[in-house]
All heavy atoms as atom14 arrays in JSON, in Angstrom:
{
  "sequence": "KLPQLTYLGQLFGTYLLAQADEIFYLIDQHAAAERINYEKI",
  "atom14_mask": [
    [1, 1, 1, 1, 1, 1, 1, 1, 1, 0, 0, 0, 0, 0],
    [1, 1, 1, 1, 1, 1, 1, 1, 0, 0, 0, 0, 0, 0],
    [1, 1, 1, 1, 1, 1, 1, 0, 0, 0, 0, 0, 0, 0],
    [1, 1, 1, 1, 1, 1, 1, 1, 1, 0, 0, 0, 0, 0],
    [1, 1, 1, 1, 1, 1, 1, 1, 0, 0, 0, 0, 0, 0],
    [1, 1, 1, 1, 1, 1, 1, 0, 0, 0, 0, 0, 0, 0],
    [1, 1, 1, 1, 1, 1, 1, 1, 1, 1, 1, 1, 0, 0],
    [1, 1, 1, 1, 1, 1, 1, 1, 0, 0, 0, 0, 0, 0],
    [1, 1, 1, 1, 0, 0, 0, 0, 0, 0, 0, 0, 0, 0],
    [1, 1, 1, 1, 1, 1, 1, 1, 1, 0, 0, 0, 0, 0],
    [1, 1, 1, 1, 1, 1, 1, 1, 0, 0, 0, 0, 0, 0],
    [1, 1, 1, 1, 1, 1, 1, 1, 1, 1, 1, 0, 0, 0],
    [1, 1, 1, 1, 0, 0, 0, 0, 0, 0, 0, 0, 0, 0],
    [1, 1, 1, 1, 1, 1, 1, 0, 0, 0, 0, 0, 0, 0],
    [1, 1, 1, 1, 1, 1, 1, 1, 1, 1, 1, 1, 0, 0],
    [1, 1, 1, 1, 1, 1, 1, 1, 0, 0, 0, 0, 0, 0],
    [1, 1, 1, 1, 1, 1, 1, 1, 0, 0, 0, 0, 0, 0],
    [1, 1, 1, 1, 1, 0, 0, 0, 0, 0, 0, 0, 0, 0],
    [1, 1, 1, 1, 1, 1, 1, 1, 1, 0, 0, 0, 0, 0],
    [1, 1, 1, 1, 1, 0, 0, 0, 0, 0, 0, 0, 0, 0],
    [1, 1, 1, 1, 1, 1, 1, 1, 0, 0, 0, 0, 0, 0],
    [1, 1, 1, 1, 1, 1, 1, 1, 1, 0, 0, 0, 0, 0],
    [1, 1, 1, 1, 1, 1, 1, 1, 0, 0, 0, 0, 0, 0],
    [1, 1, 1, 1, 1, 1, 1, 1, 1, 1, 1, 0, 0, 0],
    [1, 1, 1, 1, 1, 1, 1, 1, 1, 1, 1, 1, 0, 0],
    [1, 1, 1, 1, 1, 1, 1, 1, 0, 0, 0, 0, 0, 0],
    [1, 1, 1, 1, 1, 1, 1, 1, 0, 0, 0, 0, 0, 0],
    [1, 1, 1, 1, 1, 1, 1, 1, 0, 0, 0, 0, 0, 0],
    [1, 1, 1, 1, 1, 1, 1, 1, 1, 0, 0, 0, 0, 0],
    [1, 1, 1, 1, 1, 1, 1, 1, 1, 1, 0, 0, 0, 0],
    [1, 1, 1, 1, 1, 0, 0, 0, 0, 0, 0, 0, 0, 0],
    [1, 1, 1, 1, 1, 0, 0, 0, 0, 0, 0, 0, 0, 0],
    [1, 1, 1, 1, 1, 0, 0, 0, 0, 0, 0, 0, 0, 0],
    [1, 1, 1, 1, 1, 1, 1, 1, 1, 0, 0, 0, 0, 0],
    [1, 1, 1, 1, 1, 1, 1, 1, 1, 1, 1, 0, 0, 0],
    [1, 1, 1, 1, 1, 1, 1, 1, 0, 0, 0, 0, 0, 0],
    [1, 1, 1, 1, 1, 1, 1, 1, 0, 0, 0, 0, 0, 0],
    [1, 1, 1, 1, 1, 1, 1, 1, 1, 1, 1, 1, 0, 0],
    [1, 1, 1, 1, 1, 1, 1, 1, 1, 0, 0, 0, 0, 0],
    [1, 1, 1, 1, 1, 1, 1, 1, 1, 0, 0, 0, 0, 0],
    [1, 1, 1, 1, 1, 1, 1, 1, 0, 0, 0, 0, 0, 0]
  ],
  "atom14_positions": [
    [[15.49, 20.08, -0.7], [15.98, 19.69, -2.01], [15.01, 18.75, -2.71], [14.94, 18.71, -3.93], [17.36, 19.05, -1.89], [18.44, 20.04, -1.49], [19.81, 19.42, -1.5], [20.87, 20.47, -1.2], [22.23, 19.92, -1.24], [0.0, 0.0, 0.0], [0.0, 0.0, 0.0], [0.0, 0.0, 0.0], [0.0, 0.0, 0.0], [0.0, 0.0, 0.0]],
    [[14.28, 17.98, -1.93], [13.23, 17.13, -2.47], [11.94, 17.38, -1.69], [11.98, 17.56, -0.48], [13.61, 15.65, -2.36], [14.71, 15.11, -3.27], [14.92, 13.63, -3.02], [14.4, 15.36, -4.73], [0.0, 0.0, 0.0], [0.0, 0.0, 0.0], [0.0, 0.0, 0.0], [0.0, 0.0, 0.0], [0.0, 0.0, 0.0], [0.0, 0.0, 0.0]],
    [[10.8, 17.38, -2.37], [9.53, 17.54, -1.65], [9.14, 16.25, -0.95], [9.81, 15.22, -1.09], [8.56, 17.88, -2.79], [9.13, 17.16, -3.97], [10.63, 17.25, -3.81], [0.0, 0.0, 0.0], [0.0, 0.0, 0.0], [0.0, 0.0, 0.0], [0.0, 0.0, 0.0], [0.0, 0.0, 0.0], [0.0, 0.0, 0.0], [0.0, 0.0, 0.0]],
    [[8.05, 16.3, -0.21], [7.5, 15.09, 0.42], [6.88, 14.24, -0.68], [5.88, 14.6, -1.28], [6.45, 15.47, 1.46], [5.82, 14.28, 2.18], [6.82, 13.58, 3.09], [7.6, 14.23, 3.77], [6.77, 12.26, 3.1], [0.0, 0.0, 0.0], [0.0, 0.0, 0.0], [0.0, 0.0, 0.0], [0.0, 0.0, 0.0], [0.0, 0.0, 0.0]],
    [[7.49, 13.09, -0.96], [7.05, 12.25, -2.07], [6.02, 11.21, -1.62], [6.18, 10.59, -0.58], [8.24, 11.54, -2.7], [9.33, 12.42, -3.31], [10.5, 11.57, -3.81], [8.78, 13.26, -4.45], [0.0, 0.0, 0.0], [0.0, 0.0, 0.0], [0.0, 0.0, 0.0], [0.0, 0.0, 0.0], [0.0, 0.0, 0.0], [0.0, 0.0, 0.0]],
    [[4.99, 11.05, -2.43], [3.99, 10.0, -2.21], [4.28, 8.84, -3.15], [4.27, 9.0, -4.37], [2.57, 10.53, -2.46], [2.31, 11.63, -1.59], [1.54, 9.44, -2.22], [0.0, 0.0, 0.0], [0.0, 0.0, 0.0], [0.0, 0.0, 0.0], [0.0, 0.0, 0.0], [0.0, 0.0, 0.0], [0.0, 0.0, 0.0], [0.0, 0.0, 0.0]],
    [[4.57, 7.69, -2.58], [4.94, 6.52, -3.38], [3.72, 5.95, -4.08], [2.67, 5.74, -3.48], [5.58, 5.47, -2.47], [5.91, 4.17, -3.15], [6.76, 4.14, -4.25], [5.39, 2.96, -2.69], [7.08, 2.94, -4.88], [5.71, 1.75, -3.3], [6.55, 1.76, -4.4], [6.86, 0.57, -5.02], [0.0, 0.0, 0.0], [0.0, 0.0, 0.0]],
    [[3.86, 5.67, -5.4], [2.75, 5.16, -6.2], [2.92, 3.7, -6.57], [1.96, 2.95, -6.64], [2.62, 5.99, -7.5], [2.41, 7.49, -7.33], [2.4, 8.16, -8.7], [1.13, 7.78, -6.58], [0.0, 0.0, 0.0], [0.0, 0.0, 0.0], [0.0, 0.0, 0.0], [0.0, 0.0, 0.0], [0.0, 0.0, 0.0], [0.0, 0.0, 0.0]],
    [[4.15, 3.3, -6.85], [4.38, 1.92, -7.27], [5.78, 1.73, -7.79], [6.62, 2.62, -7.71], [0.0, 0.0, 0.0], [0.0, 0.0, 0.0], [0.0, 0.0, 0.0], [0.0, 0.0, 0.0], [0.0, 0.0, 0.0], [0.0, 0.0, 0.0], [0.0, 0.0, 0.0], [0.0, 0.0, 0.0], [0.0, 0.0, 0.0], [0.0, 0.0, 0.0]],
    [[6.03, 0.53, -8.35], [7.36, 0.16, -8.81], [7.27, -0.29, -10.26], [6.34, -1.0, -10.65], [7.92, -0.95, -7.92], [9.41, -1.16, -8.01], [9.89, -2.17, -6.97], [9.16, -3.05, -6.58], [11.12, -2.03, -6.51], [0.0, 0.0, 0.0], [0.0, 0.0, 0.0], [0.0, 0.0, 0.0], [0.0, 0.0, 0.0], [0.0, 0.0, 0.0]],
    [[8.24, 0.12, -11.07], [8.25, -0.2, -12.49], [9.44, -1.1, -12.8], [10.59, -0.75, -12.48], [8.33, 1.09, -13.31], [8.36, 0.95, -14.83], [7.04, 0.38, -15.35], [8.64, 2.31, -15.47], [0.0, 0.0, 0.0], [0.0, 0.0, 0.0], [0.0, 0.0, 0.0], [0.0, 0.0, 0.0], [0.0, 0.0, 0.0], [0.0, 0.0, 0.0]],
    [[9.18, -2.25, -13.41], [10.24, -3.19, -13.8], [11.09, -3.64, -12.61], [12.22, -4.07, -12.8], [11.16, -2.59, -14.87], [10.43, -2.04, -16.07], [10.82, -0.83, -16.62], [9.38, -2.73, -16.64], [10.15, -0.32, -17.73], [8.71, -2.22, -17.75], [9.1, -1.01, -18.29], [0.0, 0.0, 0.0], [0.0, 0.0, 0.0], [0.0, 0.0, 0.0]],
    [[10.57, -3.54, -11.41], [11.34, -3.92, -10.24], [12.57, -3.07, -10.01], [13.44, -3.42, -9.22], [0.0, 0.0, 0.0], [0.0, 0.0, 0.0], [0.0, 0.0, 0.0], [0.0, 0.0, 0.0], [0.0, 0.0, 0.0], [0.0, 0.0, 0.0], [0.0, 0.0, 0.0], [0.0, 0.0, 0.0], [0.0, 0.0, 0.0], [0.0, 0.0, 0.0]],
    [[12.66, -1.93, -10.69], [13.87, -1.11, -10.67], [13.61, 0.35, -10.39], [14.39, 1.01, -9.69], [14.61, -1.22, -12.03], [14.92, -2.59, -12.27], [15.88, -0.39, -12.05], [0.0, 0.0, 0.0], [0.0, 0.0, 0.0], [0.0, 0.0, 0.0], [0.0, 0.0, 0.0], [0.0, 0.0, 0.0], [0.0, 0.0, 0.0], [0.0, 0.0, 0.0]],
    [[12.49, 0.88, -10.9], [12.2, 2.3, -10.79], [10.99, 2.54, -9.89], [9.98, 1.84, -9.99], [11.95, 2.91, -12.18], [13.09, 2.68, -13.13], [13.02, 1.67, -14.09], [14.26, 3.43, -13.03], [14.09, 1.43, -14.95], [15.33, 3.19, -13.88], [15.23, 2.2, -14.83], [16.29, 1.96, -15.66], [0.0, 0.0, 0.0], [0.0, 0.0, 0.0]],
    [[11.14, 3.52, -9.01], [10.07, 3.87, -8.09], [9.27, 5.03, -8.68], [9.84, 5.99, -9.2], [10.64, 4.28, -6.73], [11.63, 3.3, -6.09], [12.15, 3.86, -4.78], [10.99, 1.94, -5.9], [0.0, 0.0, 0.0], [0.0, 0.0, 0.0], [0.0, 0.0, 0.0], [0.0, 0.0, 0.0], [0.0, 0.0, 0.0], [0.0, 0.0, 0.0]],
    [[7.95, 4.94, -8.61], [7.07, 5.97, -9.12], [6.5, 6.75, -7.93], [6.01, 6.16, -6.98], [5.93, 5.36, -9.94], [6.33, 4.31, -10.98], [5.09, 3.78, -11.7], [7.32, 4.88, -11.97], [0.0, 0.0, 0.0], [0.0, 0.0, 0.0], [0.0, 0.0, 0.0], [0.0, 0.0, 0.0], [0.0, 0.0, 0.0], [0.0, 0.0, 0.0]],
    [[6.59, 8.06, -8.0], [6.12, 8.89, -6.89], [5.6, 10.21, -7.43], [5.86, 10.59, -8.58], [7.25, 9.13, -5.89], [0.0, 0.0, 0.0], [0.0, 0.0, 0.0], [0.0, 0.0, 0.0], [0.0, 0.0, 0.0], [0.0, 0.0, 0.0], [0.0, 0.0, 0.0], [0.0, 0.0, 0.0], [0.0, 0.0, 0.0], [0.0, 0.0, 0.0]],
    [[4.86, 10.93, -6.6], [4.36, 12.23, -7.0], [4.36, 13.19, -5.83], [4.37, 12.78, -4.66], [2.94, 12.14, -7.57], [1.85, 11.9, -6.53], [0.47, 11.93, -7.14], [0.24, 11.36, -8.2], [-0.46, 12.59, -6.48], [0.0, 0.0, 0.0], [0.0, 0.0, 0.0], [0.0, 0.0, 0.0], [0.0, 0.0, 0.0], [0.0, 0.0, 0.0]],
    [[4.41, 14.47, -6.14], [4.28, 15.54, -5.15], [3.68, 16.73, -5.87], [4.18, 17.13, -6.93], [5.64, 15.89, -4.56], [0.0, 0.0, 0.0], [0.0, 0.0, 0.0], [0.0, 0.0, 0.0], [0.0, 0.0, 0.0], [0.0, 0.0, 0.0], [0.0, 0.0, 0.0], [0.0, 0.0, 0.0], [0.0, 0.0, 0.0], [0.0, 0.0, 0.0]],
    [[2.6, 17.26, -5.32], [1.88, 18.36, -5.96], [1.48, 17.92, -7.37], [0.83, 16.9, -7.53], [2.73, 19.63, -5.98], [3.07, 20.09, -4.57], [2.2, 19.94, -3.69], [4.19, 20.58, -4.35], [0.0, 0.0, 0.0], [0.0, 0.0, 0.0], [0.0, 0.0, 0.0], [0.0, 0.0, 0.0], [0.0, 0.0, 0.0], [0.0, 0.0, 0.0]],
    [[1.9, 18.64, -8.4], [1.54, 18.29, -9.77], [2.76, 17.84, -10.56], [2.88, 18.1, -11.76], [0.85, 19.47, -10.46], [-0.51, 19.8, -9.86], [-1.3, 20.76, -10.72], [-0.7, 21.37, -11.63], [-2.51, 20.88, -10.5], [0.0, 0.0, 0.0], [0.0, 0.0, 0.0], [0.0, 0.0, 0.0], [0.0, 0.0, 0.0], [0.0, 0.0, 0.0]],
    [[3.65, 17.14, -9.89], [4.86, 16.65, -10.53], [4.99, 15.15, -10.29], [4.77, 14.65, -9.18], [6.11, 17.38, -10.0], [6.01, 18.88, -10.31], [7.38, 16.81, -10.63], [7.18, 19.69, -9.81], [0.0, 0.0, 0.0], [0.0, 0.0, 0.0], [0.0, 0.0, 0.0], [0.0, 0.0, 0.0], [0.0, 0.0, 0.0], [0.0, 0.0, 0.0]],
    [[5.32, 14.43, -11.34], [5.53, 12.99, -11.3], [7.02, 12.7, -11.28], [7.78, 13.29, -12.06], [4.86, 12.34, -12.52], [5.21, 10.89, -12.71], [4.75, 9.92, -11.83], [5.98, 10.48, -13.79], [5.07, 8.59, -12.0], [6.3, 9.15, -13.98], [5.84, 8.2, -13.09], [0.0, 0.0, 0.0], [0.0, 0.0, 0.0], [0.0, 0.0, 0.0]],
    [[7.46, 11.78, -10.41], [8.88, 11.48, -10.26], [9.16, 10.01, -10.57], [8.39, 9.12, -10.19], [9.34, 11.77, -8.82], [9.26, 13.22, -8.45], [8.11, 13.75, -7.89], [10.34, 14.08, -8.64], [8.03, 15.09, -7.54], [10.28, 15.42, -8.31], [9.12, 15.92, -7.76], [9.04, 17.25, -7.42], [0.0, 0.0, 0.0], [0.0, 0.0, 0.0]],
    [[10.28, 9.79, -11.24], [10.77, 8.46, -11.56], [12.14, 8.31, -10.9], [13.04, 9.09, -11.18], [10.87, 8.3, -13.07], [11.07, 6.9, -13.66], [9.9, 6.0, -13.3], [11.21, 6.98, -15.18], [0.0, 0.0, 0.0], [0.0, 0.0, 0.0], [0.0, 0.0, 0.0], [0.0, 0.0, 0.0], [0.0, 0.0, 0.0], [0.0, 0.0, 0.0]],
    [[12.28, 7.32, -10.01], [13.48, 7.21, -9.18], [14.14, 5.85, -9.4], [13.49, 4.81, -9.32], [13.12, 7.37, -7.69], [12.43, 8.72, -7.46], [14.35, 7.23, -6.8], [11.44, 8.71, -6.34], [0.0, 0.0, 0.0], [0.0, 0.0, 0.0], [0.0, 0.0, 0.0], [0.0, 0.0, 0.0], [0.0, 0.0, 0.0], [0.0, 0.0, 0.0]],
    [[15.44, 5.87, -9.67], [16.22, 4.64, -9.79], [16.53, 4.15, -8.37], [17.29, 4.79, -7.64], [17.51, 4.93, -10.56], [18.35, 3.67, -10.81], [18.42, 2.81, -9.92], [18.95, 3.57, -11.89], [0.0, 0.0, 0.0], [0.0, 0.0, 0.0], [0.0, 0.0, 0.0], [0.0, 0.0, 0.0], [0.0, 0.0, 0.0], [0.0, 0.0, 0.0]],
    [[15.95, 3.01, -7.97], [16.07, 2.58, -6.58], [17.5, 2.23, -6.19], [17.92, 2.49, -5.05], [15.14, 1.39, -6.3], [15.49, 0.11, -7.04], [14.47, -0.98, -6.77], [13.29, -0.7, -6.54], [14.91, -2.23, -6.81], [0.0, 0.0, 0.0], [0.0, 0.0, 0.0], [0.0, 0.0, 0.0], [0.0, 0.0, 0.0], [0.0, 0.0, 0.0]],
    [[18.28, 1.67, -7.11], [19.68, 1.34, -6.78], [20.49, 2.62, -6.62], [21.28, 2.74, -5.67], [20.3, 0.45, -7.85], [21.77, 0.22, -7.64], [22.26, -0.58, -6.62], [22.86, 0.7, -8.29], [23.58, -0.59, -6.66], [23.97, 0.18, -7.67], [0.0, 0.0, 0.0], [0.0, 0.0, 0.0], [0.0, 0.0, 0.0], [0.0, 0.0, 0.0]],
    [[20.33, 3.55, -7.55], [21.08, 4.81, -7.47], [20.71, 5.58, -6.21], [21.58, 6.19, -5.56], [20.81, 5.66, -8.71], [0.0, 0.0, 0.0], [0.0, 0.0, 0.0], [0.0, 0.0, 0.0], [0.0, 0.0, 0.0], [0.0, 0.0, 0.0], [0.0, 0.0, 0.0], [0.0, 0.0, 0.0], [0.0, 0.0, 0.0], [0.0, 0.0, 0.0]],
    [[19.43, 5.55, -5.83], [18.99, 6.25, -4.61], [19.62, 5.62, -3.38], [20.15, 6.32, -2.5], [17.46, 6.21, -4.51], [0.0, 0.0, 0.0], [0.0, 0.0, 0.0], [0.0, 0.0, 0.0], [0.0, 0.0, 0.0], [0.0, 0.0, 0.0], [0.0, 0.0, 0.0], [0.0, 0.0, 0.0], [0.0, 0.0, 0.0], [0.0, 0.0, 0.0]],
    [[19.57, 4.29, -3.29], [20.15, 3.6, -2.13], [21.66, 3.8, -2.09], [22.25, 3.95, -1.01], [19.82, 2.11, -2.2], [0.0, 0.0, 0.0], [0.0, 0.0, 0.0], [0.0, 0.0, 0.0], [0.0, 0.0, 0.0], [0.0, 0.0, 0.0], [0.0, 0.0, 0.0], [0.0, 0.0, 0.0], [0.0, 0.0, 0.0], [0.0, 0.0, 0.0]],
    [[22.28, 3.83, -3.26], [23.73, 4.02, -3.33], [24.12, 5.4, -2.8], [25.1, 5.55, -2.08], [24.19, 3.86, -4.78], [25.65, 3.48, -4.92], [26.0, 3.16, -6.36], [25.33, 3.66, -7.28], [26.98, 2.43, -6.56], [0.0, 0.0, 0.0], [0.0, 0.0, 0.0], [0.0, 0.0, 0.0], [0.0, 0.0, 0.0], [0.0, 0.0, 0.0]],
    [[23.35, 6.42, -3.17], [23.62, 7.78, -2.67], [23.49, 7.84, -1.16], [24.35, 8.41, -0.47], [22.66, 8.76, -3.34], [22.53, 10.11, -2.65], [23.85, 10.83, -2.48], [24.55, 11.08, -3.72], [25.72, 11.7, -3.79], [26.33, 12.1, -2.66], [26.33, 11.9, -4.95], [0.0, 0.0, 0.0], [0.0, 0.0, 0.0], [0.0, 0.0, 0.0]],
    [[22.44, 7.24, -0.61], [22.21, 7.23, 0.84], [23.37, 6.54, 1.56], [23.95, 7.08, 2.51], [20.88, 6.52, 1.17], [19.7, 7.31, 0.59], [20.72, 6.35, 2.68], [18.41, 6.52, 0.56], [0.0, 0.0, 0.0], [0.0, 0.0, 0.0], [0.0, 0.0, 0.0], [0.0, 0.0, 0.0], [0.0, 0.0, 0.0], [0.0, 0.0, 0.0]],
    [[23.71, 5.34, 1.1], [24.76, 4.57, 1.76], [26.12, 5.22, 1.61], [26.93, 5.19, 2.54], [24.78, 3.14, 1.19], [23.58, 2.33, 1.6], [23.05, 2.51, 2.7], [23.12, 1.46, 0.73], [0.0, 0.0, 0.0], [0.0, 0.0, 0.0], [0.0, 0.0, 0.0], [0.0, 0.0, 0.0], [0.0, 0.0, 0.0], [0.0, 0.0, 0.0]],
    [[26.39, 5.79, 0.44], [27.68, 6.44, 0.21], [27.91, 7.56, 1.22], [28.99, 7.64, 1.84], [27.75, 7.0, -1.21], [28.83, 8.03, -1.39], [30.17, 7.67, -1.47], [28.51, 9.39, -1.46], [31.17, 8.62, -1.62], [29.49, 10.35, -1.61], [30.82, 9.97, -1.69], [31.8, 10.92, -1.82], [0.0, 0.0, 0.0], [0.0, 0.0, 0.0]],
    [[26.94, 8.44, 1.4], [27.13, 9.57, 2.31], [27.3, 9.09, 3.75], [28.12, 9.63, 4.5], [25.96, 10.55, 2.18], [25.95, 11.26, 0.83], [25.02, 12.47, 0.8], [24.48, 12.84, 1.88], [24.85, 13.05, -0.28], [0.0, 0.0, 0.0], [0.0, 0.0, 0.0], [0.0, 0.0, 0.0], [0.0, 0.0, 0.0], [0.0, 0.0, 0.0]],
    [[26.54, 8.08, 4.15], [26.65, 7.57, 5.51], [28.02, 6.9, 5.73], [28.68, 7.13, 6.76], [25.53, 6.57, 5.8], [24.14, 7.21, 5.91], [23.09, 6.18, 6.26], [21.73, 6.83, 6.46], [20.68, 5.83, 6.8], [0.0, 0.0, 0.0], [0.0, 0.0, 0.0], [0.0, 0.0, 0.0], [0.0, 0.0, 0.0], [0.0, 0.0, 0.0]],
    [[28.44, 6.07, 4.79], [29.71, 5.36, 4.93], [30.88, 6.33, 4.9], [31.83, 6.21, 5.68], [29.85, 4.3, 3.81], [28.84, 3.18, 4.03], [31.27, 3.72, 3.78], [28.76, 2.18, 2.89], [0.0, 0.0, 0.0], [0.0, 0.0, 0.0], [0.0, 0.0, 0.0], [0.0, 0.0, 0.0], [0.0, 0.0, 0.0], [0.0, 0.0, 0.0]]
  ]
}
């Protein structure tokens, strides 16, 4: 569902910047952590 992401940096202390192949990804770090924790809990 997600490719192997290469982490590039952090924006505004909130968004993670990553890339895979020729695609750039912007990730909300709180929303990502919330999804991970929700499914586990």
